[in-house]
C-alpha atoms as a PDB file:
ATOM      1  CA  UNK A   1    -159.439 125.293  92.054  1.00  0.00           C
ATOM      2  CA  UNK A   2    -155.741 124.601  92.423  1.00  0.00           C
ATOM      3  CA  UNK A   3    -154.210 122.537  95.187  1.00  0.00           C
ATOM      4  CA  UNK A   4    -153.423 124.448  98.360  1.00  0.00           C
ATOM      5  CA  UNK A   5    -151.719 123.863 101.654  1.00  0.00           C
ATOM      6  CA  UNK A   6    -154.009 123.833 104.659  1.00  0.00           C
ATOM      7  CA  UNK A   7    -151.840 123.998 107.812  1.00  0.00           C
ATOM      8  CA  UNK A   8    -153.999 124.784 110.809  1.00  0.00           C
ATOM      9  CA  UNK A   9    -151.101 126.570 112.369  1.00  0.00           C
ATOM     10  CA  UNK A  10    -151.324 129.183 109.658  1.00  0.00           C
ATOM     11  CA  UNK A  11    -154.757 130.318 110.830  1.00  0.00           C
ATOM     12  CA  UNK A  12    -154.395 130.717 114.603  1.00  0.00           C
ATOM     13  CA  UNK A  13    -157.751 131.651 116.087  1.00  0.00           C
ATOM     14  CA  UNK A  14    -159.017 132.497 112.644  1.00  0.00           C
ATOM     15  CA  UNK A  15    -162.792 132.233 112.856  1.00  0.00           C
ATOM     16  CA  UNK A  16    -163.088 134.462 109.840  1.00  0.00           C
ATOM     17  CA  UNK A  17    -160.814 132.261 107.819  1.00  0.00           C
ATOM     18  CA  UNK A  18    -162.761 129.162 108.838  1.00  0.00           C
ATOM     19  CA  UNK A  19    -166.046 130.894 107.799  1.00  0.00           C
ATOM     20  CA  UNK A  20    -164.508 131.765 104.470  1.00  0.00           C
ATOM     21  CA  UNK A  21    -163.197 128.301 103.975  1.00  0.00           C
ATOM     22  CA  UNK A  22    -166.646 126.719 104.754  1.00  0.00           C
ATOM     23  CA  UNK A  23    -168.234 129.129 102.230  1.00  0.00           C
ATOM     24  CA  UNK A  24    -165.776 128.160  99.547  1.00  0.00           C
ATOM     25  CA  UNK A  25    -166.462 124.443 100.268  1.00  0.00           C
ATOM     26  CA  UNK A  26    -170.195 125.069 100.124  1.00  0.00           C
ATOM     27  CA  UNK A  27    -169.930 126.910  96.705  1.00  0.00           C
ATOM     28  CA  UNK A  28    -167.647 124.185  95.289  1.00  0.00           C
ATOM     29  CA  UNK A  29    -170.062 121.500  96.326  1.00  0.00           C
ATOM     30  CA  UNK A  30    -172.983 123.194  94.661  1.00  0.00           C
ATOM     31  CA  UNK A  31    -170.903 123.744  91.506  1.00  0.00           C
ATOM     32  CA  UNK A  32    -170.151 119.986  91.256  1.00  0.00           C
ATOM     33  CA  UNK A  33    -173.674 118.917  91.895  1.00  0.00           C
ATOM     34  CA  UNK A  34    -175.068 121.283  89.289  1.00  0.00           C
ATOM     35  CA  UNK A  35    -172.830 119.543  86.832  1.00  0.00           C
ATOM     36  CA  UNK A  36    -174.465 116.209  87.849  1.00  0.00           C
ATOM     37  CA  UNK A  37    -171.148 115.077  89.254  1.00  0.00           C
ATOM     38  CA  UNK A  38    -169.713 113.758  92.524  1.00  0.00           C
ATOM     39  CA  UNK A  39    -166.123 114.121  93.909  1.00  0.00           C
ATOM     40  CA  UNK A  40    -163.634 111.260  93.547  1.00  0.00           C
ATOM     41  CA  UNK A  41    -160.282 111.246  95.509  1.00  0.00           C
ATOM     42  CA  UNK A  42    -157.762 108.876  93.973  1.00  0.00           C
ATOM     43  CA  UNK A  43    -154.536 107.446  95.491  1.00  0.00           C
ATOM     44  CA  UNK A  44    -151.528 107.067  93.190  1.00  0.00           C
ATOM     45  CA  UNK A  45    -149.187 104.294  94.338  1.00  0.00           C
ATOM     46  CA  UNK A  46    -150.482 100.669  93.980  1.00  0.00           C
ATOM     47  CA  UNK A  47    -153.849 102.097  92.860  1.00  0.00           C
ATOM     48  CA  UNK A  48    -153.344 104.023  89.554  1.00  0.00           C
ATOM     49  CA  UNK A  49    -149.577 103.263  89.096  1.00  0.00           C
ATOM     50  CA  UNK A  50    -146.421 101.813  90.638  1.00  0.00           C
ATOM     51  CA  UNK A  51    -142.989 103.405  91.025  1.00  0.00           C
ATOM     52  CA  UNK A  52    -139.589 102.041  91.949  1.00  0.00           C
ATOM     53  CA  UNK A  53    -136.302 103.920  92.513  1.00  0.00           C
ATOM     54  CA  UNK A  54    -133.524 103.326  89.969  1.00  0.00           C
ATOM     55  CA  UNK A  55    -131.386 102.078  92.937  1.00  0.00           C
ATOM     56  CA  UNK A  56    -133.916  99.364  93.837  1.00  0.00           C
ATOM     57  CA  UNK A  57    -134.086  97.813  90.445  1.00  0.00           C
ATOM     58  CA  UNK A  58    -131.580  95.102  89.965  1.00  0.00           C
ATOM     59  CA  UNK A  59    -129.758  94.329  86.693  1.00  0.00           C
ATOM     60  CA  UNK A  60    -132.102  91.546  85.652  1.00  0.00           C
ATOM     61  CA  UNK A  61    -135.275  93.528  86.228  1.00  0.00           C
ATOM     62  CA  UNK A  62    -133.625  96.653  84.587  1.00  0.00           C
ATOM     63  CA  UNK A  63    -132.976  94.781  81.390  1.00  0.00           C
ATOM     64  CA  UNK A  64    -136.608  93.547  81.326  1.00  0.00           C
ATOM     65  CA  UNK A  65    -137.857  97.153  81.798  1.00  0.00           C
ATOM     66  CA  UNK A  66    -135.473  98.513  79.151  1.00  0.00           C
ATOM     67  CA  UNK A  67    -136.906  95.946  76.714  1.00  0.00           C
ATOM     68  CA  UNK A  68    -140.443  97.081  77.432  1.00  0.00           C
ATOM     69  CA  UNK A  69    -139.298 100.711  77.211  1.00  0.00           C
ATOM     70  CA  UNK A  70    -137.671 100.253  73.844  1.00  0.00           C
ATOM     71  CA  UNK A  71    -140.658  98.446  72.461  1.00  0.00           C
ATOM     72  CA  UNK A  72    -142.815 101.456  73.433  1.00  0.00           C
ATOM     73  CA  UNK A  73    -140.520 103.794  71.603  1.00  0.00           C
ATOM     74  CA  UNK A  74    -141.123 101.792  68.448  1.00  0.00           C
ATOM     75  CA  UNK A  75    -144.898 102.211  68.793  1.00  0.00           C
ATOM     76  CA  UNK A  76    -145.406 105.934  69.049  1.00  0.00           C
ATOM     77  CA  UNK A  77    -149.161 105.839  68.533  1.00  0.00           C
ATOM     78  CA  UNK A  78    -149.636 103.862  71.720  1.00  0.00           C
ATOM     79  CA  UNK A  79    -149.812 105.661  75.041  1.00  0.00           C
ATOM     80  CA  UNK A  80    -146.822 104.902  77.092  1.00  0.00           C
ATOM     81  CA  UNK A  81    -147.385 102.896  80.290  1.00  0.00           C
ATOM     82  CA  UNK A  82    -143.739 102.588  81.386  1.00  0.00           C
ATOM     83  CA  UNK A  83    -141.735 105.779  82.088  1.00  0.00           C
ATOM     84  CA  UNK A  84    -138.136 106.546  83.152  1.00  0.00           C
ATOM     85  CA  UNK A  85    -138.472 109.638  85.269  1.00  0.00           C
ATOM     86  CA  UNK A  86    -134.943 110.921  85.337  1.00  0.00           C
ATOM     87  CA  UNK A  87    -135.889 113.956  87.403  1.00  0.00           C
ATOM     88  CA  UNK A  88    -137.010 111.708  90.258  1.00  0.00           C
ATOM     89  CA  UNK A  89    -134.744 108.814  89.518  1.00  0.00           C
ATOM     90  CA  UNK A  90    -137.575 106.390  89.333  1.00  0.00           C
ATOM     91  CA  UNK A  91    -139.216 103.990  87.021  1.00  0.00           C
ATOM     92  CA  UNK A  92    -143.012 104.438  86.888  1.00  0.00           C
ATOM     93  CA  UNK A  93    -145.510 101.893  85.466  1.00  0.00           C
ATOM     94  CA  UNK A  94    -149.068 103.108  84.851  1.00  0.00           C
ATOM     95  CA  UNK A  95    -151.680 100.561  85.606  1.00  0.00           C
ATOM     96  CA  UNK A  96    -153.458  99.054  82.646  1.00  0.00           C
ATOM     97  CA  UNK A  97    -156.885 100.717  81.895  1.00  0.00           C
ATOM     98  CA  UNK A  98    -155.796 103.813  83.978  1.00  0.00           C
ATOM     99  CA  UNK A  99    -156.240 106.218  81.095  1.00  0.00           C
ATOM    100  CA  UNK A 100    -159.583 104.861  80.117  1.00  0.00           C
ATOM    101  CA  UNK A 101    -160.664 104.829  83.789  1.00  0.00           C
ATOM    102  CA  UNK A 102    -159.756 108.488  84.258  1.00  0.00           C
ATOM    103  CA  UNK A 103    -161.319 109.592  80.967  1.00  0.00           C
ATOM    104  CA  UNK A 104    -164.631 107.839  81.734  1.00  0.00           C
ATOM    105  CA  UNK A 105    -164.654 108.666  85.480  1.00  0.00           C
ATOM    106  CA  UNK A 106    -164.180 112.409  84.660  1.00  0.00           C
ATOM    107  CA  UNK A 107    -167.641 112.379  83.055  1.00  0.00           C
ATOM    108  CA  UNK A 108    -169.316 111.517  86.298  1.00  0.00           C
ATOM    109  CA  UNK A 109    -166.853 112.758  88.961  1.00  0.00           C
ATOM    110  CA  UNK A 110    -164.701 115.750  89.721  1.00  0.00           C
ATOM    111  CA  UNK A 111    -161.238 114.100  89.975  1.00  0.00           C
ATOM    112  CA  UNK A 112    -158.649 114.670  92.675  1.00  0.00           C
ATOM    113  CA  UNK A 113    -155.240 113.122  93.346  1.00  0.00           C
ATOM    114  CA  UNK A 114    -154.238 112.545  96.989  1.00  0.00           C
ATOM    115  CA  UNK A 115    -150.919 110.848  97.689  1.00  0.00           C
ATOM    116  CA  UNK A 116    -148.673 110.534 100.720  1.00  0.00           C
ATOM    117  CA  UNK A 117    -145.765 111.279  98.413  1.00  0.00           C
ATOM    118  CA  UNK A 118    -144.184 114.629  98.201  1.00  0.00           C
ATOM    119  CA  UNK A 119    -145.558 117.468  96.037  1.00  0.00           C
ATOM    120  CA  UNK A 120    -142.977 117.129  93.334  1.00  0.00           C
ATOM    121  CA  UNK A 121    -143.832 113.432  92.992  1.00  0.00           C
ATOM    122  CA  UNK A 122    -147.545 114.074  92.933  1.00  0.00           C
ATOM    123  CA  UNK A 123    -147.268 116.757  90.294  1.00  0.00           C
ATOM    124  CA  UNK A 124    -144.958 114.635  88.119  1.00  0.00           C
ATOM    125  CA  UNK A 125    -147.219 111.536  88.312  1.00  0.00           C
ATOM    126  CA  UNK A 126    -150.311 113.646  87.491  1.00  0.00           C
ATOM    127  CA  UNK A 127    -148.526 114.854  84.362  1.00  0.00           C
ATOM    128  CA  UNK A 128    -147.968 111.279  83.272  1.00  0.00           C
ATOM    129  CA  UNK A 129    -151.594 110.404  83.812  1.00  0.00           C
ATOM    130  CA  UNK A 130    -153.043 113.655  82.538  1.00  0.00           C
ATOM    131  CA  UNK A 131    -150.585 115.458  80.315  1.00  0.00           C
ATOM    132  CA  UNK A 132    -153.047 118.236  79.402  1.00  0.00           C
ATOM    133  CA  UNK A 133    -154.242 118.835  82.966  1.00  0.00           C
ATOM    134  CA  UNK A 134    -157.816 118.539  81.674  1.00  0.00           C
ATOM    135  CA  UNK A 135    -158.851 115.771  84.021  1.00  0.00           C
ATOM    136  CA  UNK A 136    -157.434 116.752  87.440  1.00  0.00           C
ATOM    137  CA  UNK A 137    -157.497 120.475  86.798  1.00  0.00           C
ATOM    138  CA  UNK A 138    -154.955 121.221  89.505  1.00  0.00           C
ATOM    139  CA  UNK A 139    -156.710 119.104  92.192  1.00  0.00           C
ATOM    140  CA  UNK A 140    -153.437 117.467  93.233  1.00  0.00           C
ATOM    141  CA  UNK A 141    -152.760 116.913  96.981  1.00  0.00           C
ATOM    142  CA  UNK A 142    -149.746 115.454  98.712  1.00  0.00           C
ATOM    143  CA  UNK A 143    -148.381 115.194 102.225  1.00  0.00           C
ATOM    144  CA  UNK A 144    -146.976 118.762 101.697  1.00  0.00           C
ATOM    145  CA  UNK A 145    -150.633 119.920 101.675  1.00  0.00           C
ATOM    146  CA  UNK A 146    -151.331 118.195 104.925  1.00  0.00           C
ATOM    147  CA  UNK A 147    -148.575 119.629 107.060  1.00  0.00           C
ATOM    148  CA  UNK A 148    -146.528 116.478 106.311  1.00  0.00           C
ATOM    149  CA  UNK A 149    -148.814 114.221 108.244  1.00  0.00           C
ATOM    150  CA  UNK A 150    -148.830 110.456 107.456  1.00  0.00           C
ATOM    151  CA  UNK A 151    -152.617 110.471 107.635  1.00  0.00           C
ATOM    152  CA  UNK A 152    -154.724 111.714 104.805  1.00  0.00           C
ATOM    153  CA  UNK A 153    -157.850 113.829 105.519  1.00  0.00           C
ATOM    154  CA  UNK A 154    -160.728 115.154 103.475  1.00  0.00           C
ATOM    155  CA  UNK A 155    -160.375 118.456 105.190  1.00  0.00           C
ATOM    156  CA  UNK A 156    -157.680 119.080 102.640  1.00  0.00           C
ATOM    157  CA  UNK A 157    -160.060 118.408  99.716  1.00  0.00           C
ATOM    158  CA  UNK A 158    -162.579 121.020  98.620  1.00  0.00           C
ATOM    159  CA  UNK A 159    -166.197 119.954  98.532  1.00  0.00           C
ATOM    160  CA  UNK A 160    -168.475 118.303 101.114  1.00  0.00           C
ATOM    161  CA  UNK A 161    -167.803 114.740 102.378  1.00  0.00           C
ATOM    162  CA  UNK A 162    -171.407 113.820 101.578  1.00  0.00           C
ATOM    163  CA  UNK A 163    -170.590 113.834  97.826  1.00  0.00           C
ATOM    164  CA  UNK A 164    -167.082 112.437  98.081  1.00  0.00           C
ATOM    165  CA  UNK A 165    -165.769 108.963  97.370  1.00  0.00           C
ATOM    166  CA  UNK A 166    -162.194 107.782  98.014  1.00  0.00           C
ATOM    167  CA  UNK A 167    -160.313 105.060  96.122  1.00  0.00           C
ATOM    168  CA  UNK A 168    -157.181 103.881  97.976  1.00  0.00           C
ATOM    169  CA  UNK A 169    -155.264 100.729  98.551  1.00  0.00           C
ATOM    170  CA  UNK A 170    -154.626 101.640 102.267  1.00  0.00           C
ATOM    171  CA  UNK A 171    -157.508 102.220 104.505  1.00  0.00           C
ATOM    172  CA  UNK A 172    -155.088 102.808 107.421  1.00  0.00           C
ATOM    173  CA  UNK A 173    -153.926 106.173 106.049  1.00  0.00           C
ATOM    174  CA  UNK A 174    -157.540 107.555 106.403  1.00  0.00           C
ATOM    175  CA  UNK A 175    -159.160 108.301 109.764  1.00  0.00           C
ATOM    176  CA  UNK A 176    -162.050 106.149 110.726  1.00  0.00           C
ATOM    177  CA  UNK A 177    -164.449 109.003 110.153  1.00  0.00           C
ATOM    178  CA  UNK A 178    -163.705 108.750 106.403  1.00  0.00           C
ATOM    179  CA  UNK A 179    -163.980 105.022 106.016  1.00  0.00           C
ATOM    180  CA  UNK A 180    -167.609 105.385 104.888  1.00  0.00           C
ATOM    181  CA  UNK A 181    -166.304 107.329 101.927  1.00  0.00           C
ATOM    182  CA  UNK A 182    -163.705 104.816 101.075  1.00  0.00           C
ATOM    183  CA  UNK A 183    -163.572 102.059  98.393  1.00  0.00           C
ATOM    184  CA  UNK A 184    -160.569  99.961  99.278  1.00  0.00           C
ATOM    185  CA  UNK A 185    -158.406  98.581  96.406  1.00  0.00           C
ATOM    186  CA  UNK A 186    -157.734  94.982  97.550  1.00  0.00           C
ATOM    187  CA  UNK A 187    -155.747  94.160  94.417  1.00  0.00           C
ATOM    188  CA  UNK A 188    -152.689  96.344  94.769  1.00  0.00           C
ATOM    189  CA  UNK A 189    -150.702  97.066  91.655  1.00  0.00           C
ATOM    190  CA  UNK A 190    -147.302  95.615  92.390  1.00  0.00           C
ATOM    191  CA  UNK A 191    -145.446  95.808  89.150  1.00  0.00           C
ATOM    192  CA  UNK A 192    -141.900  96.170  90.529  1.00  0.00           C
ATOM    193  CA  UNK A 193    -140.120  93.678  92.694  1.00  0.00           C
ATOM    194  CA  UNK A 194    -139.218  96.232  95.366  1.00  0.00           C
ATOM    195  CA  UNK A 195    -142.931  97.047  95.953  1.00  0.00           C
ATOM    196  CA  UNK A 196    -143.781  93.573  97.178  1.00  0.00           C
ATOM    197  CA  UNK A 197    -141.653  93.900 100.343  1.00  0.00           C
ATOM    198  CA  UNK A 198    -143.790  96.808 101.529  1.00  0.00           C
ATOM    199  CA  UNK A 199    -146.601  94.348 102.081  1.00  0.00           C
ATOM    200  CA  UNK A 200    -144.642  91.237 103.329  1.00  0.00           C
ATOM    201  CA  UNK A 201    -144.780  89.512  99.893  1.00  0.00           C
ATOM    202  CA  UNK A 202    -142.015  87.769  98.023  1.00  0.00           C
ATOM    203  CA  UNK A 203    -140.397  89.395  95.045  1.00  0.00           C
ATOM    204  CA  UNK A 204    -141.694  86.578  92.944  1.00  0.00           C
ATOM    205  CA  UNK A 205    -145.230  87.829  93.308  1.00  0.00           C
ATOM    206  CA  UNK A 206    -144.389  91.047  91.449  1.00  0.00           C
ATOM    207  CA  UNK A 207    -145.532  91.387  87.832  1.00  0.00           C
ATOM    208  CA  UNK A 208    -141.944  91.962  86.529  1.00  0.00           C
ATOM    209  CA  UNK A 209    -140.945  88.590  88.122  1.00  0.00           C
ATOM    210  CA  UNK A 210    -143.822  86.919  86.348  1.00  0.00           C
ATOM    211  CA  UNK A 211    -143.025  88.801  83.122  1.00  0.00           C
ATOM    212  CA  UNK A 212    -146.666  89.779  82.634  1.00  0.00           C
ATOM    213  CA  UNK A 213    -149.102  92.522  83.365  1.00  0.00           C
ATOM    214  CA  UNK A 214    -152.848  92.967  84.173  1.00  0.00           C
ATOM    215  CA  UNK A 215    -155.183  92.619  81.183  1.00  0.00           C
ATOM    216  CA  UNK A 216    -156.750  96.006  80.716  1.00  0.00           C
ATOM    217  CA  UNK A 217    -160.339  95.074  80.028  1.00  0.00           C
ATOM    218  CA  UNK A 218    -160.283  92.567  83.061  1.00  0.00           C
ATOM    219  CA  UNK A 219    -158.190  94.819  85.347  1.00  0.00           C
ATOM    220  CA  UNK A 220    -159.252  96.094  88.721  1.00  0.00           C
ATOM    221  CA  UNK A 221    -159.752  99.635  87.341  1.00  0.00           C
ATOM    222  CA  UNK A 222    -162.293  98.368  84.784  1.00  0.00           C
ATOM    223  CA  UNK A 223    -164.356  96.669  87.541  1.00  0.00           C
ATOM    224  CA  UNK A 224    -164.069  99.720  89.731  1.00  0.00           C
ATOM    225  CA  UNK A 225    -165.336 102.028  86.989  1.00  0.00           C
ATOM    226  CA  UNK A 226    -168.431  99.971  86.570  1.00  0.00           C
ATOM    227  CA  UNK A 227    -169.214 100.194  90.274  1.00  0.00           C
ATOM    228  CA  UNK A 228    -168.582 103.938  90.418  1.00  0.00           C
ATOM    229  CA  UNK A 229    -170.962 104.548  87.579  1.00  0.00           C
ATOM    230  CA  UNK A 230    -173.684 102.478  89.391  1.00  0.00           C
ATOM    231  CA  UNK A 231    -173.205 104.500  92.523  1.00  0.00           C
ATOM    232  CA  UNK A 232    -173.321 107.756  90.614  1.00  0.00           C
ATOM    233  CA  UNK A 233    -176.491 106.777  88.785  1.00  0.00           C
ATOM    234  CA  UNK A 234    -178.270 105.691  91.956  1.00  0.00           C
ATOM    235  CA  UNK A 235    -177.299 108.842  93.850  1.00  0.00           C
ATOM    236  CA  UNK A 236    -178.758 111.236  91.327  1.00  0.00           C
ATOM    237  CA  UNK A 237    -181.778 109.047  90.568  1.00  0.00           C
ATOM    238  CA  UNK A 238    -182.681 109.022  94.345  1.00  0.00           C
ATOM    239  CA  UNK A 239    -181.564 112.400  95.467  1.00  0.00           C
ATOM    240  CA  UNK A 240    -181.546 114.805  92.465  1.00  0.00           C
ATOM    241  CA  UNK A 241    -178.900 117.440  92.485  1.00  0.00           C
ATOM    242  CA  UNK A 242    -178.994 119.004  96.004  1.00  0.00           C
ATOM    243  CA  UNK A 243    -179.793 116.359  98.441  1.00  0.00           C
ATOM    244  CA  UNK A 244    -178.550 112.937  99.548  1.00  0.00           C
ATOM    245  CA  UNK A 245    -175.355 111.425 100.914  1.00  0.00           C
ATOM    246  CA  UNK A 246    -173.206 109.276  98.638  1.00  0.00           C
ATOM    247  CA  UNK A 247    -171.949 107.358 101.624  1.00  0.00           C
ATOM    248  CA  UNK A 248    -175.513 106.091 102.230  1.00  0.00           C
ATOM    249  CA  UNK A 249    -175.981 105.482  98.544  1.00  0.00           C
ATOM    250  CA  UNK A 250    -172.796 103.343  98.323  1.00  0.00           C
ATOM    251  CA  UNK A 251    -173.758 101.440 101.434  1.00  0.00           C
ATOM    252  CA  UNK A 252    -177.270 100.637  99.899  1.00  0.00           C
ATOM    253  CA  UNK A 253    -175.926  99.680  96.434  1.00  0.00           C
ATOM    254  CA  UNK A 254    -173.270  97.462  97.926  1.00  0.00           C
ATOM    255  CA  UNK A 255    -175.674  96.016 100.377  1.00  0.00           C
ATOM    256  CA  UNK A 256    -177.668  94.404  97.532  1.00  0.00           C
ATOM    257  CA  UNK A 257    -174.767  93.062  95.534  1.00  0.00           C
ATOM    258  CA  UNK A 258    -174.663  89.522  97.031  1.00  0.00           C
ATOM    259  CA  UNK A 259    -178.208  89.542  98.493  1.00  0.00           C
ATOM    260  CA  UNK A 260    -179.511  85.993  98.609  1.00  0.00           C
ATOM    261  CA  UNK A 261    -176.029  84.380  98.875  1.00  0.00           C
ATOM    262  CA  UNK A 262    -175.204  82.253 101.834  1.00  0.00           C
ATOM    263  CA  UNK A 263    -171.453  81.913 102.188  1.00  0.00           C
ATOM    264  CA  UNK A 264    -168.908  79.795 104.025  1.00  0.00           C
ATOM    265  CA  UNK A 265    -165.363  81.157 104.113  1.00  0.00           C
ATOM    266  CA  UNK A 266    -162.274  78.928 104.244  1.00  0.00           C
ATOM    267  CA  UNK A 267    -159.126  80.973 104.933  1.00  0.00           C
ATOM    268  CA  UNK A 268    -155.759  80.168 106.394  1.00  0.00           C
ATOM    269  CA  UNK A 269    -155.491  82.961 108.896  1.00  0.00           C
ATOM    270  CA  UNK A 270    -158.051  84.422 111.221  1.00  0.00           C
ATOM    271  CA  UNK A 271    -157.360  87.934 109.844  1.00  0.00           C
ATOM    272  CA  UNK A 272    -158.065  86.851 106.309  1.00  0.00           C
ATOM    273  CA  UNK A 273    -161.181  85.086 107.416  1.00  0.00           C
ATOM    274  CA  UNK A 274    -162.487  88.181 109.253  1.00  0.00           C
ATOM    275  CA  UNK A 275    -161.718  90.453 106.321  1.00  0.00           C
ATOM    276  CA  UNK A 276    -163.660  88.231 103.856  1.00  0.00           C
ATOM    277  CA  UNK A 277    -166.538  87.768 106.357  1.00  0.00           C
ATOM    278  CA  UNK A 278    -166.955  91.454 106.789  1.00  0.00           C
ATOM    279  CA  UNK A 279    -166.765  92.118 103.110  1.00  0.00           C
ATOM    280  CA  UNK A 280    -169.470  89.516 102.345  1.00  0.00           C
ATOM    281  CA  UNK A 281    -171.764  90.956 104.934  1.00  0.00           C
ATOM    282  CA  UNK A 282    -171.198  94.457 103.610  1.00  0.00           C
ATOM    283  CA  UNK A 283    -172.299  93.146 100.250  1.00  0.00           C
ATOM    284  CA  UNK A 284    -175.549  91.790 101.617  1.00  0.00           C
ATOM    285  CA  UNK A 285    -174.577  88.104 101.928  1.00  0.00           C
ATOM    286  CA  UNK A 286    -175.199  85.918 104.856  1.00  0.00           C
ATOM    287  CA  UNK A 287    -172.117  84.257 106.369  1.00  0.00           C
ATOM    288  CA  UNK A 288    -172.193  80.974 108.233  1.00  0.00           C
ATOM    289  CA  UNK A 289    -169.578  78.669 109.675  1.00  0.00           C
ATOM    290  CA  UNK A 290    -170.849  75.281 108.545  1.00  0.00           C
ATOM    291  CA  UNK A 291    -171.886  74.015 105.144  1.00  0.00           C
ATOM    292  CA  UNK A 292    -175.476  72.833 104.854  1.00  0.00           C
ATOM    293  CA  UNK A 293    -178.046  72.511 102.082  1.00  0.00           C
ATOM    294  CA  UNK A 294    -178.809  76.291 102.171  1.00  0.00           C
ATOM    295  CA  UNK A 295    -175.239  77.400 101.499  1.00  0.00           C
ATOM    296  CA  UNK A 296    -174.764  78.791  97.932  1.00  0.00           C
ATOM    297  CA  UNK A 297    -170.964  79.549  97.884  1.00  0.00           C
ATOM    298  CA  UNK A 298    -167.709  78.470  99.564  1.00  0.00           C
ATOM    299  CA  UNK A 299    -165.001  81.029  99.346  1.00  0.00           C
ATOM    300  CA  UNK A 300    -161.572  79.379  99.473  1.00  0.00           C
ATOM    301  CA  UNK A 301    -158.398  81.466 100.017  1.00  0.00           C
ATOM    302  CA  UNK A 302    -156.016  78.609  99.286  1.00  0.00           C
ATOM    303  CA  UNK A 303    -154.752  76.584  96.371  1.00  0.00           C
ATOM    304  CA  UNK A 304    -155.050  73.422  98.544  1.00  0.00           C
ATOM    305  CA  UNK A 305    -158.348  71.751  99.414  1.00  0.00           C
ATOM    306  CA  UNK A 306    -159.255  72.909 102.939  1.00  0.00           C
ATOM    307  CA  UNK A 307    -158.977  70.124 105.523  1.00  0.00           C
ATOM    308  CA  UNK A 308    -162.184  68.606 106.417  1.00  0.00           C
ATOM    309  CA  UNK A 309    -164.156  69.992 103.453  1.00  0.00           C
ATOM    310  CA  UNK A 310    -165.706  67.102 101.551  1.00  0.00           C
ATOM    311  CA  UNK A 311    -166.276  68.779  98.124  1.00  0.00           C
ATOM    312  CA  UNK A 312    -167.918  65.889  96.417  1.00  0.00           C
ATOM    313  CA  UNK A 313    -170.802  65.820  98.950  1.00  0.00           C
ATOM    314  CA  UNK A 314    -171.771  69.450  98.395  1.00  0.00           C
ATOM    315  CA  UNK A 315    -173.746  69.312  95.166  1.00  0.00           C
ATOM    316  CA  UNK A 316    -174.807  72.521  93.442  1.00  0.00           C
ATOM    317  CA  UNK A 317    -172.624  74.891  95.340  1.00  0.00           C
ATOM    318  CA  UNK A 318    -170.026  77.313  93.956  1.00  0.00           C
ATOM    319  CA  UNK A 319    -166.414  77.174  95.128  1.00  0.00           C
ATOM    320  CA  UNK A 320    -164.892  80.514  94.357  1.00  0.00           C
ATOM    321  CA  UNK A 321    -161.694  82.487  94.957  1.00  0.00           C
ATOM    322  CA  UNK A 322    -161.736  85.594  97.185  1.00  0.00           C
ATOM    323  CA  UNK A 323    -161.407  87.589  93.938  1.00  0.00           C
ATOM    324  CA  UNK A 324    -165.124  86.920  93.402  1.00  0.00           C
ATOM    325  CA  UNK A 325    -165.826  88.916  96.551  1.00  0.00           C
ATOM    326  CA  UNK A 326    -163.380  91.694  95.611  1.00  0.00           C
ATOM    327  CA  UNK A 327    -165.047  91.938  92.178  1.00  0.00           C
ATOM    328  CA  UNK A 328    -168.473  92.163  93.640  1.00  0.00           C
ATOM    329  CA  UNK A 329    -167.018  94.961  95.930  1.00  0.00           C
ATOM    330  CA  UNK A 330    -165.736  96.935  92.987  1.00  0.00           C
ATOM    331  CA  UNK A 331    -168.614  96.476  90.630  1.00  0.00           C
ATOM    332  CA  UNK A 332    -171.341  96.710  93.365  1.00  0.00           C
ATOM    333  CA  UNK A 333    -173.126  93.632  91.797  1.00  0.00           C
ATOM    334  CA  UNK A 334    -172.818  89.890  91.832  1.00  0.00           C
ATOM    335  CA  UNK A 335    -170.197  88.785  89.266  1.00  0.00           C
ATOM    336  CA  UNK A 336    -170.581  85.720  87.134  1.00  0.00           C
ATOM    337  CA  UNK A 337    -169.075  82.849  89.139  1.00  0.00           C
ATOM    338  CA  UNK A 338    -167.698  81.172  86.029  1.00  0.00           C
ATOM    339  CA  UNK A 339    -164.606  83.417  85.925  1.00  0.00           C
ATOM    340  CA  UNK A 340    -163.727  82.810  89.593  1.00  0.00           C
ATOM    341  CA  UNK A 341    -164.341  79.127  90.098  1.00  0.00           C
ATOM    342  CA  UNK A 342    -161.964  77.243  92.396  1.00  0.00           C
ATOM    343  CA  UNK A 343    -164.159  74.228  91.530  1.00  0.00           C
ATOM    344  CA  UNK A 344    -167.786  73.864  90.625  1.00  0.00           C
ATOM    345  CA  UNK A 345    -169.450  71.125  92.672  1.00  0.00           C
ATOM    346  CA  UNK A 346    -171.987  69.062  90.703  1.00  0.00           C
END
């Protein structure tokens, strides 16, 4: 089913058109379920890849990119992750593990791209990620397919919402009614310096400034794939092919991830504190304000020891970075604390 524009203004008073559209959606949903698959809607920028206009790349960064690009040319058997897209005048860096993620996810999900970029950008990026077109199969949506609206909407995507999951780094571009379908990407892929400013970050936090990249097997997409497989398995184990709601399945799977954990959160800002608190509760943990003997974890969103926290007195508790929570969110299970320790109290 190829991408198609769905402007409501095109169908003024069209009850027959709406009925036909509903029938197509029903048939598509049944087809997907019969294949033991669900629908996965994927964002592009900062989720699967990162792009920067030629004009926003300074000389120092350009020389670094050219060096990577030349190295790729000398290793033709490797799949290219960095591209100079002359037609769009942009550099594009594909996120580590993206190819493996898409290949594996396509076995369990019908894949769709949905970006707030223009159609030409969406089609070009899809070609970089899926050169043969065998993964997305024309399911590529952009703002041009949504009447140029800034908000995305599942009305644009074929298939029922009850079998659809969304992966996006920005929840604000989706209406509240679709947040139950959404798996937010907390770890945005910010390879280029110009991308950091979009989120109020310093250029020094970009990967080109640090002269490094994500490690593929430890990357966000690898963790996310594990969680998606877990949700898929649970959905079909519980509901079979023609019943169930993946939103409920995801809520239940996530709700057991940190069950039994009692967590205190130490964050600099109230906004960060509330976000981590809500995430922990969504994952089945109990959140409390004060540390006592029953607390199992302290989540610290700072490189400095939080004021008033006497670490040496809290024996047997894990002190972890917020990335421990994010990883539990992606994987839908409790991660091994050893990889996320701020400090282990003994």
